[in-house]
Amino acid sequence: FWLKASLEVWVKAFPGTGRPATMGKVHGSLARAGKVKNQTPKVAKAEKKKVLTGRAKKRFTFNRRFVSIVKGGPKRGPNSNMK
């Protein structure tokens, strides 16, 4: 009885194929682990400007928000690239 019930559930998982659903094999085998990372080309990190901290960061954000804003145009977000 239980065998017939489980077969009915499996056939419903893939209708029309007659193939049972694979149980528990969701993320692939460990033989393929790290495949994408290993085939991605290595790119050297670019040099970046030193990040401001403390008083200098507060000064920078104040100037960006309140001093050098353009009057008259529509309000733009901080990440906007529109001219």
C-alpha atoms as a PDB file:
ATOM      1  CA  PHE A   1       0.000   0.000   0.000  1.00  0.00           C
ATOM      2  CA  TRP A   2       2.663   2.561   0.982  1.00  0.00           C
ATOM      3  CA  LEU A   3       4.691   1.753  -2.149  1.00  0.00           C
ATOM      4  CA  LYS A   4       1.753   2.517  -4.421  1.00  0.00           C
ATOM      5  CA  ALA A   5       1.043   5.798  -2.588  1.00  0.00           C
ATOM      6  CA  SER A   6       4.645   6.946  -2.881  1.00  0.00           C
ATOM      7  CA  LEU A   7       4.720   6.101  -6.600  1.00  0.00           C
ATOM      8  CA  GLU A   8       1.597   8.205  -7.136  1.00  0.00           C
ATOM      9  CA  VAL A   9       3.294  11.156  -5.424  1.00  0.00           C
ATOM     10  CA  TRP A  10       6.414  10.739  -7.587  1.00  0.00           C
ATOM     11  CA  VAL A  11       4.436  10.561 -10.815  1.00  0.00           C
ATOM     12  CA  LYS A  12       2.614  13.776  -9.834  1.00  0.00           C
ATOM     13  CA  ALA A  13       5.969  15.517  -9.323  1.00  0.00           C
ATOM     14  CA  PHE A  14       6.871  15.169 -13.021  1.00  0.00           C
ATOM     15  CA  PRO A  15       3.597  14.617 -14.878  1.00  0.00           C
ATOM     16  CA  GLY A  16       3.836  12.919 -18.241  1.00  0.00           C
ATOM     17  CA  THR A  17       7.441  11.805 -17.864  1.00  0.00           C
ATOM     18  CA  GLY A  18       6.965   8.824 -15.586  1.00  0.00           C
ATOM     19  CA  ARG A  19      10.215   9.879 -13.877  1.00  0.00           C
ATOM     20  CA  PRO A  20      10.332  10.078 -10.074  1.00  0.00           C
ATOM     21  CA  ALA A  21      11.269  13.356  -8.391  1.00  0.00           C
ATOM     22  CA  THR A  22      14.815  13.476  -7.088  1.00  0.00           C
ATOM     23  CA  MET A  23      14.666  13.782  -3.348  1.00  0.00           C
ATOM     24  CA  GLY A  24      17.246  15.802  -1.447  1.00  0.00           C
ATOM     25  CA  LYS A  25      19.632  16.613  -4.316  1.00  0.00           C
ATOM     26  CA  VAL A  26      19.026  20.328  -4.415  1.00  0.00           C
ATOM     27  CA  HIS A  27      22.404  22.067  -4.704  1.00  0.00           C
ATOM     28  CA  GLY A  28      24.452  19.677  -6.843  1.00  0.00           C
ATOM     29  CA  SER A  29      27.325  17.422  -5.940  1.00  0.00           C
ATOM     30  CA  LEU A  30      30.499  18.534  -4.183  1.00  0.00           C
ATOM     31  CA  ALA A  31      32.523  17.572  -7.256  1.00  0.00           C
ATOM     32  CA  ARG A  32      31.360  20.808  -8.900  1.00  0.00           C
ATOM     33  CA  ALA A  33      31.994  23.022  -5.877  1.00  0.00           C
ATOM     34  CA  GLY A  34      33.818  26.271  -6.714  1.00  0.00           C
ATOM     35  CA  LYS A  35      33.377  25.848 -10.469  1.00  0.00           C
ATOM     36  CA  VAL A  36      32.313  29.412 -11.230  1.00  0.00           C
ATOM     37  CA  LYS A  37      34.883  31.061  -8.954  1.00  0.00           C
ATOM     38  CA  ASN A  38      37.719  29.033 -10.468  1.00  0.00           C
ATOM     39  CA  GLN A  39      36.816  29.898 -14.070  1.00  0.00           C
ATOM     40  CA  THR A  40      36.381  33.634 -13.400  1.00  0.00           C
ATOM     41  CA  PRO A  41      39.426  35.659 -14.502  1.00  0.00           C
ATOM     42  CA  LYS A  42      41.398  37.253 -11.690  1.00  0.00           C
ATOM     43  CA  VAL A  43      41.301  41.050 -11.797  1.00  0.00           C
ATOM     44  CA  ALA A  44      43.698  43.111  -9.687  1.00  0.00           C
ATOM     45  CA  LYS A  45      42.066  45.563  -7.274  1.00  0.00           C
ATOM     46  CA  ALA A  46      42.171  49.190  -8.378  1.00  0.00           C
ATOM     47  CA  GLU A  47      43.755  51.811  -6.167  1.00  0.00           C
ATOM     48  CA  LYS A  48      41.163  53.882  -4.361  1.00  0.00           C
ATOM     49  CA  LYS A  49      41.169  57.233  -2.637  1.00  0.00           C
ATOM     50  CA  LYS A  50      41.598  57.113   1.143  1.00  0.00           C
ATOM     51  CA  VAL A  51      38.242  57.065   2.955  1.00  0.00           C
ATOM     52  CA  LEU A  52      37.590  60.143   5.082  1.00  0.00           C
ATOM     53  CA  THR A  53      36.892  59.635   8.775  1.00  0.00           C
ATOM     54  CA  GLY A  54      35.782  61.758  11.706  1.00  0.00           C
ATOM     55  CA  ARG A  55      35.505  65.526  11.277  1.00  0.00           C
ATOM     56  CA  ALA A  56      36.652  65.418   7.644  1.00  0.00           C
ATOM     57  CA  LYS A  57      33.838  63.005   6.713  1.00  0.00           C
ATOM     58  CA  LYS A  58      31.233  65.199   8.436  1.00  0.00           C
ATOM     59  CA  ARG A  59      32.586  68.234   6.566  1.00  0.00           C
ATOM     60  CA  PHE A  60      32.480  66.380   3.245  1.00  0.00           C
ATOM     61  CA  THR A  61      28.880  65.202   3.695  1.00  0.00           C
ATOM     62  CA  PHE A  62      27.719  68.665   4.831  1.00  0.00           C
ATOM     63  CA  ASN A  63      29.293  70.290   1.777  1.00  0.00           C
ATOM     64  CA  ARG A  64      27.807  67.668  -0.541  1.00  0.00           C
ATOM     65  CA  ARG A  65      24.309  68.000   0.922  1.00  0.00           C
ATOM     66  CA  PHE A  66      23.922  71.715   1.585  1.00  0.00           C
ATOM     67  CA  VAL A  67      26.684  73.828   0.001  1.00  0.00           C
ATOM     68  CA  SER A  68      27.181  72.600  -3.561  1.00  0.00           C
ATOM     69  CA  ILE A  69      23.551  71.812  -4.442  1.00  0.00           C
ATOM     70  CA  VAL A  70      22.126  73.162  -7.720  1.00  0.00           C
ATOM     71  CA  LYS A  71      19.079  75.414  -7.336  1.00  0.00           C
ATOM     72  CA  GLY A  72      16.203  75.287  -9.788  1.00  0.00           C
ATOM     73  CA  GLY A  73      16.534  71.730 -11.082  1.00  0.00           C
ATOM     74  CA  PRO A  74      14.666  68.609 -10.013  1.00  0.00           C
ATOM     75  CA  LYS A  75      15.914  66.921  -6.865  1.00  0.00           C
ATOM     76  CA  ARG A  76      18.329  64.070  -7.633  1.00  0.00           C
ATOM     77  CA  GLY A  77      19.370  61.167  -5.456  1.00  0.00           C
ATOM     78  CA  PRO A  78      22.914  60.707  -4.112  1.00  0.00           C
ATOM     79  CA  ASN A  79      23.663  57.972  -6.665  1.00  0.00           C
ATOM     80  CA  SER A  80      22.229  59.716  -9.725  1.00  0.00           C
ATOM     81  CA  ASN A  81      24.375  59.942 -12.879  1.00  0.00           C
ATOM     82  CA  MET A  82      22.033  62.289 -14.746  1.00  0.00           C
ATOM     83  CA  LYS A  83      23.467  65.659 -15.777  1.00  0.00           C
END
